[in-house]
Amino acid sequence: MNVVLPFFAVLALILAGYVGVKVLDLKFLFGVLLPYAAIAVFIGGFVYRIVRWAKSPVPFRIPTTCGQQKSLDWIESDRLDNPHDTKGVIARMALEILFFRSLFRNTKTEIKDGPKVVYGPNLWLWAAALAFHYSFLTIFVRHLRFFTEPVPMLVGLLNEADGFFQVGVPPVMVTSLVILGALGFLLLRRLFTPQIRYISLAADYFPLFLIIGIAGTGVLLRHFVRTDIVGVKELAMGLVSFKPAIPQGVHWLFYVHLLLVTTLIAYFPWSKLMHMGGVFLSPTRNLANNNRMVRHVNPWNGPVKVHTYEEYEDDFREKMKAAGLPVDKE
């Protein structure tokens, strides 16, 4: 059910978009009202989650480390795996955010004949994750051409670089193939790896099916279903300028594509996708491990009444003597 329910939820969204636009002609709802509502939910939810995380007390340094900690001068420390200053933390965070360093170092464990436990690299997951995230980022930046006039030079250059194969008209974009391949790998990994399937929930499958739906409808709109691109840009420019207008000639599949995008935007702050913002506030990543250099005192500790040993002995001295226990004072 963790797989079936998210799958049919995405199908229901596609059907709702088709019926709403093709049958009921609710283009203003799907083209204007829902995108504005989704953006409002995204901004409010994102800010709420970040503020809530930022207010969480972190009285102690709890970075996740696997290298030599900074101690004596003649012992070389690991500046990236066990940073002890701000520069090391920035370098570690940069490698984590831009290149998924911890995922690159991830290993898999298997039981071979013997029985014998064997450890090995798990680079396919790292490669698929990196390919998906950078493809998604590239596609997002390319779509800025619909929301800007004139189109920034960087967006135009990226669009040309993404379609450098010049296969077909319009050209097939490299990121379209890469993102679909990466999403397929991530989905099949969850479906056919028993350990991963066991811990996977509906909240893990729903974003996958949703993004696959977005990428799939996008490819269909670009290569198979002709729609009015000028009308699409007119709608997008109207949204960003707060002068929305529904153009004529836009295919119903575009509104389905837009509905899936708005669903992802509204769902984003309340899902595991919020690791995009949470990674910056993770105390296991953004803290320097200087526990041997600085004494960290919990500022939330209140005064505690201490019962010293001298007071304890005063209370129980006679009973301790009777039991044969040594005492400091006779």
Protein backbone atom coordinates (compact mmCIF):
# COMPACT_ATOMS: atom_id res chain seq x y z
CA MET A 1 0.00 0.00 0.00
CA ASN A 2 2.94 2.34 0.55
CA VAL A 3 3.58 2.12 -3.20
CA VAL A 4 0.04 1.82 -4.55
CA LEU A 5 -1.49 4.78 -2.69
CA PRO A 6 1.11 7.38 -3.83
CA PHE A 7 0.95 6.03 -7.38
CA PHE A 8 -2.82 6.39 -7.59
CA ALA A 9 -2.66 9.76 -5.82
CA VAL A 10 -0.52 11.10 -8.67
CA LEU A 11 -2.84 9.50 -11.23
CA ALA A 12 -5.77 11.19 -9.46
CA LEU A 13 -4.02 14.55 -9.78
CA ILE A 14 -3.50 13.98 -13.51
CA LEU A 15 -7.15 12.99 -13.92
CA ALA A 16 -8.29 16.02 -11.90
CA GLY A 17 -6.26 18.31 -14.14
CA TYR A 18 -7.71 16.74 -17.29
CA VAL A 19 -11.32 16.90 -16.08
CA GLY A 20 -10.93 20.35 -14.58
CA VAL A 21 -9.51 21.91 -17.75
CA LYS A 22 -10.81 19.80 -20.61
CA VAL A 23 -14.32 19.12 -19.29
CA LEU A 24 -15.12 21.85 -16.75
CA ASP A 25 -12.95 24.61 -18.29
CA LEU A 26 -11.51 25.66 -14.90
CA LYS A 27 -8.39 27.16 -16.45
CA PHE A 28 -8.34 30.14 -14.08
CA LEU A 29 -8.38 27.82 -11.09
CA PHE A 30 -5.55 25.62 -12.34
CA GLY A 31 -3.57 28.38 -14.05
CA VAL A 32 -3.82 31.19 -11.49
CA LEU A 33 -5.45 30.42 -8.14
CA LEU A 34 -3.69 27.13 -7.39
CA PRO A 35 -0.18 28.40 -8.31
CA TYR A 36 -0.62 31.47 -6.08
CA ALA A 37 -1.94 29.32 -3.23
CA ALA A 38 0.92 26.82 -3.63
CA ILE A 39 3.56 29.56 -3.53
CA ALA A 40 1.98 31.06 -0.40
CA VAL A 41 1.96 27.65 1.30
CA PHE A 42 5.56 27.05 0.22
CA ILE A 43 6.86 30.36 1.56
CA GLY A 44 4.90 30.14 4.81
CA GLY A 45 5.78 26.49 5.39
CA PHE A 46 9.46 26.96 4.51
CA VAL A 47 9.84 29.91 6.87
CA TYR A 48 7.94 28.08 9.62
CA ARG A 49 10.12 24.99 9.41
CA ILE A 50 13.38 26.98 9.29
CA VAL A 51 12.42 29.20 12.24
CA ARG A 52 11.31 26.18 14.25
CA TRP A 53 14.58 24.39 13.59
CA ALA A 54 16.60 27.54 14.33
CA LYS A 55 14.89 27.90 17.73
CA SER A 56 15.78 24.34 18.75
CA PRO A 57 18.43 24.46 21.50
CA VAL A 58 21.80 22.90 20.69
CA PRO A 59 23.82 23.36 23.91
CA PHE A 60 26.59 20.93 22.99
CA ARG A 61 28.76 20.29 19.96
CA ILE A 62 27.48 17.08 18.33
CA PRO A 63 29.09 16.96 14.84
CA THR A 64 29.24 13.61 13.08
CA THR A 65 32.93 12.86 12.59
CA CYS A 66 35.11 10.00 11.43
CA GLY A 67 38.58 11.55 11.37
CA GLN A 68 41.27 12.55 13.84
CA GLN A 69 40.16 15.33 16.16
CA LYS A 70 42.31 18.40 16.78
CA SER A 71 44.34 17.88 19.95
CA LEU A 72 48.13 18.16 20.31
CA ASP A 73 50.09 20.14 17.75
CA TRP A 74 52.20 17.18 16.69
CA ILE A 75 49.13 15.04 15.93
CA GLU A 76 47.73 15.82 12.48
CA SER A 77 43.97 16.38 12.51
CA ASP A 78 41.46 15.84 9.72
CA ARG A 79 40.25 19.33 8.77
CA LEU A 80 37.34 18.11 6.64
CA ASP A 81 36.03 15.09 8.51
CA ASN A 82 36.65 16.60 11.94
CA PRO A 83 36.81 20.39 11.53
CA HIS A 84 37.79 22.40 14.60
CA ASP A 85 37.24 25.91 13.19
CA THR A 86 34.85 27.82 10.94
CA LYS A 87 36.97 27.41 7.80
CA GLY A 88 36.88 23.63 8.14
CA VAL A 89 33.12 23.67 8.69
CA ILE A 90 32.55 25.81 5.57
CA ALA A 91 34.71 23.48 3.46
CA ARG A 92 32.94 20.41 4.82
CA MET A 93 29.49 21.93 4.24
CA ALA A 94 30.43 22.98 0.71
CA LEU A 95 31.51 19.46 -0.20
CA GLU A 96 28.37 18.05 1.42
CA ILE A 97 25.95 20.41 -0.33
CA LEU A 98 27.58 20.56 -3.75
CA PHE A 99 28.95 17.02 -4.11
CA PHE A 100 27.12 14.89 -1.47
CA ARG A 101 30.42 13.86 0.11
CA SER A 102 28.93 11.73 2.88
CA LEU A 103 26.82 9.84 0.34
CA PHE A 104 29.91 9.32 -1.83
CA ARG A 105 31.60 7.65 1.14
CA ASN A 106 28.59 5.47 1.86
CA THR A 107 29.24 1.73 1.87
CA LYS A 108 27.00 -1.29 1.45
CA THR A 109 27.13 -4.44 3.55
CA GLU A 110 26.47 -7.92 2.18
CA ILE A 111 26.68 -11.43 3.61
CA LYS A 112 28.61 -13.77 1.34
CA ASP A 113 29.24 -17.50 1.52
CA GLY A 114 30.93 -18.48 4.70
CA PRO A 115 28.99 -16.67 6.14
CA LYS A 116 31.19 -13.62 5.75
CA VAL A 117 30.31 -9.94 6.01
CA VAL A 118 31.64 -7.98 3.04
CA TYR A 119 31.78 -4.18 2.79
CA GLY A 120 31.95 -2.38 -0.52
CA PRO A 121 31.34 0.98 -2.20
CA ASN A 122 27.84 2.12 -3.06
CA LEU A 123 28.60 4.70 -5.73
CA TRP A 124 25.53 4.07 -7.89
CA LEU A 125 23.30 5.73 -5.30
CA TRP A 126 25.65 8.71 -5.08
CA ALA A 127 25.80 9.05 -8.88
CA ALA A 128 22.02 8.82 -9.27
CA ALA A 129 21.39 11.35 -6.50
CA LEU A 130 23.93 13.78 -7.91
CA ALA A 131 22.55 13.38 -11.45
CA PHE A 132 18.98 13.93 -10.27
CA HIS A 133 19.68 17.04 -8.20
CA TYR A 134 21.83 18.77 -10.81
CA SER A 135 19.42 17.88 -13.61
CA PHE A 136 16.54 19.25 -11.57
CA LEU A 137 18.49 22.44 -10.89
CA THR A 138 19.35 22.85 -14.58
CA ILE A 139 15.73 22.32 -15.63
CA PHE A 140 14.58 24.84 -13.02
CA VAL A 141 17.02 27.48 -14.26
CA ARG A 142 16.09 26.79 -17.90
CA HIS A 143 12.43 27.42 -17.08
CA LEU A 144 13.28 30.95 -15.97
CA ARG A 145 13.03 31.91 -19.64
CA PHE A 146 9.25 31.75 -19.24
CA PHE A 147 9.30 34.20 -16.30
CA THR A 148 11.79 36.80 -17.52
CA GLU A 149 11.90 39.29 -20.36
CA PRO A 150 14.51 39.74 -21.64
CA VAL A 151 15.84 36.27 -20.91
CA PRO A 152 19.13 36.42 -18.93
CA MET A 153 22.20 35.43 -20.89
CA LEU A 154 23.05 32.67 -18.40
CA VAL A 155 19.68 31.02 -18.96
CA GLY A 156 20.15 31.13 -22.74
CA LEU A 157 23.65 29.68 -22.53
CA LEU A 158 22.49 26.92 -20.21
CA ASN A 159 19.62 26.11 -22.55
CA GLU A 160 22.02 25.80 -25.51
CA ALA A 161 24.49 23.69 -23.53
CA ASP A 162 21.73 21.35 -22.35
CA GLY A 163 20.62 20.71 -25.94
CA PHE A 164 24.07 20.51 -27.52
CA PHE A 165 23.31 17.10 -29.07
CA GLN A 166 20.93 18.84 -31.48
CA VAL A 167 18.87 15.67 -31.86
CA GLY A 168 15.39 16.35 -33.20
CA VAL A 169 13.36 19.54 -33.39
CA PRO A 170 13.08 20.85 -30.76
CA PRO A 171 16.39 19.37 -29.55
CA VAL A 172 16.36 16.64 -26.93
CA MET A 173 17.68 18.03 -23.67
CA VAL A 174 20.34 16.01 -21.89
CA THR A 175 18.84 16.77 -18.49
CA SER A 176 15.48 15.35 -19.59
CA LEU A 177 17.07 11.97 -20.19
CA VAL A 178 19.30 12.15 -17.11
CA ILE A 179 16.54 13.07 -14.68
CA LEU A 180 14.23 10.32 -15.93
CA GLY A 181 17.05 7.78 -15.71
CA ALA A 182 18.03 8.90 -12.21
CA LEU A 183 14.41 8.86 -11.00
CA GLY A 184 13.94 5.41 -12.48
CA PHE A 185 17.01 4.12 -10.65
CA LEU A 186 15.92 5.63 -7.33
CA LEU A 187 12.43 4.15 -7.71
CA LEU A 188 13.63 0.68 -8.73
CA ARG A 189 16.12 0.73 -5.86
CA ARG A 190 13.28 1.23 -3.38
CA LEU A 191 11.12 -1.41 -5.05
CA PHE A 192 13.65 -4.21 -5.51
CA THR A 193 16.10 -3.80 -2.62
CA PRO A 194 14.46 -5.65 0.30
CA GLN A 195 16.13 -3.60 3.04
CA ILE A 196 15.18 -0.29 1.41
CA ARG A 197 11.65 -1.44 0.57
CA TYR A 198 11.13 -2.49 4.21
CA ILE A 199 11.83 1.01 5.58
CA SER A 200 10.18 2.96 2.73
CA LEU A 201 6.93 4.74 3.46
CA ALA A 202 4.29 6.39 1.29
CA ALA A 203 6.04 9.70 2.00
CA ASP A 204 9.11 8.29 0.22
CA TYR A 205 7.28 7.11 -2.89
CA PHE A 206 4.92 10.07 -3.38
CA PRO A 207 7.63 12.65 -4.25
CA LEU A 208 9.23 10.16 -6.63
CA PHE A 209 5.99 9.50 -8.52
CA LEU A 210 5.15 13.20 -8.47
CA ILE A 211 8.48 14.30 -9.93
CA ILE A 212 8.35 11.48 -12.49
CA GLY A 213 4.93 12.82 -13.49
CA ILE A 214 6.31 16.35 -13.80
CA ALA A 215 9.28 15.24 -15.88
CA GLY A 216 7.15 12.93 -18.02
CA THR A 217 4.51 15.53 -18.84
CA GLY A 218 7.27 18.04 -19.53
CA VAL A 219 8.87 15.73 -22.08
CA LEU A 220 5.48 15.07 -23.67
CA LEU A 221 4.80 18.80 -23.97
CA ARG A 222 8.19 19.44 -25.52
CA HIS A 223 8.31 16.65 -28.08
CA PHE A 224 4.91 15.05 -28.61
CA VAL A 225 2.05 17.38 -27.61
CA ARG A 226 2.14 20.75 -29.32
CA THR A 227 1.03 23.71 -27.26
CA ASP A 228 1.28 27.46 -27.64
CA ILE A 229 4.64 28.39 -26.06
CA VAL A 230 3.87 32.09 -26.46
CA GLY A 231 0.66 31.54 -24.50
CA VAL A 232 2.58 29.66 -21.79
CA LYS A 233 5.00 32.56 -21.42
CA GLU A 234 2.11 35.02 -21.37
CA LEU A 235 0.57 33.09 -18.48
CA ALA A 236 3.90 32.88 -16.63
CA MET A 237 4.66 36.59 -17.07
CA GLY A 238 1.17 37.42 -15.89
CA LEU A 239 1.70 35.41 -12.71
CA VAL A 240 5.03 37.04 -11.79
CA SER A 241 3.71 40.54 -12.58
CA PHE A 242 0.49 39.90 -10.59
CA LYS A 243 -1.55 40.57 -13.71
CA PRO A 244 -2.76 37.04 -14.45
CA ALA A 245 -4.50 36.29 -17.71
CA ILE A 246 -5.56 33.01 -19.26
CA PRO A 247 -4.28 32.77 -22.85
CA GLN A 248 -5.97 30.80 -25.59
CA GLY A 249 -4.46 27.83 -27.39
CA VAL A 250 -2.65 26.24 -24.41
CA HIS A 251 -3.07 22.47 -24.38
CA TRP A 252 -4.79 20.84 -21.39
CA LEU A 253 -1.68 18.75 -20.70
CA PHE A 254 0.16 21.92 -19.77
CA TYR A 255 -2.35 22.56 -16.99
CA VAL A 256 -1.84 18.99 -15.77
CA HIS A 257 1.91 19.65 -15.77
CA LEU A 258 1.33 22.89 -13.88
CA LEU A 259 -0.96 21.15 -11.36
CA LEU A 260 1.74 18.58 -10.59
CA VAL A 261 4.29 21.37 -10.16
CA THR A 262 2.03 23.34 -7.82
CA THR A 263 1.38 20.18 -5.81
CA LEU A 264 5.12 19.65 -5.42
CA ILE A 265 5.59 23.28 -4.37
CA ALA A 266 2.86 23.11 -1.72
CA TYR A 267 3.98 19.68 -0.50
CA PHE A 268 7.66 20.59 -0.30
CA PRO A 269 7.87 22.27 3.16
CA TRP A 270 6.00 19.43 4.89
CA SER A 271 7.98 16.58 3.36
CA LYS A 272 11.43 15.03 3.52
CA LEU A 273 12.35 17.29 0.62
CA MET A 274 12.97 19.98 3.24
CA HIS A 275 16.45 18.54 3.65
CA MET A 276 17.29 21.28 1.12
CA GLY A 277 16.96 23.84 3.90
CA GLY A 278 17.54 21.58 6.88
CA VAL A 279 21.07 20.60 5.88
CA PHE A 280 22.24 24.12 6.69
CA LEU A 281 20.82 23.86 10.24
CA SER A 282 21.97 20.33 11.00
CA PRO A 283 24.14 20.40 14.17
CA THR A 284 25.83 17.20 13.04
CA ARG A 285 27.18 19.09 10.03
CA ASN A 286 27.42 22.82 10.80
CA LEU A 287 29.33 22.72 14.11
CA ALA A 288 33.06 22.66 14.67
CA ASN A 289 34.30 19.84 16.86
CA ASN A 290 36.30 21.85 19.39
CA ASN A 291 35.25 20.06 22.56
CA ARG A 292 38.89 19.55 23.57
CA MET A 293 39.67 23.23 23.00
CA VAL A 294 36.62 25.01 24.48
CA ARG A 295 34.52 24.16 27.52
CA HIS A 296 30.85 24.21 26.49
CA VAL A 297 28.44 24.85 29.34
CA ASN A 298 24.74 24.26 28.80
CA PRO A 299 23.18 27.75 29.14
CA TRP A 300 19.78 26.19 29.92
CA ASN A 301 21.02 24.36 33.02
CA GLY A 302 19.30 25.77 36.10
CA PRO A 303 20.76 25.85 39.62
CA VAL A 304 20.88 22.40 41.18
CA LYS A 305 20.93 21.76 44.95
CA VAL A 306 23.94 19.53 45.60
CA HIS A 307 24.08 17.00 48.44
CA THR A 308 27.80 16.62 49.15
CA TYR A 309 29.45 13.53 50.57
CA GLU A 310 30.23 15.37 53.80
CA GLU A 311 26.53 16.10 54.22
CA TYR A 312 25.66 12.52 53.32
CA GLU A 313 28.11 11.22 55.97
CA ASP A 314 26.70 13.60 58.58
CA ASP A 315 23.24 12.19 57.89
CA PHE A 316 24.22 8.50 58.02
CA ARG A 317 27.48 8.37 60.05
CA GLU A 318 26.17 6.21 62.87
CA LYS A 319 24.50 3.77 60.47
CA MET A 320 27.69 3.56 58.41
CA LYS A 321 29.73 2.77 61.51
CA ALA A 322 27.23 0.13 62.55
CA ALA A 323 27.49 -1.46 59.12
CA GLY A 324 31.29 -1.42 59.27
CA LEU A 325 31.71 1.18 56.55
CA PRO A 326 34.71 3.56 56.78
CA VAL A 327 33.96 7.22 57.53
CA ASP A 328 36.09 10.34 57.11
CA LYS A 329 35.07 11.86 60.41
CA GLU A 330 34.73 10.04 63.69
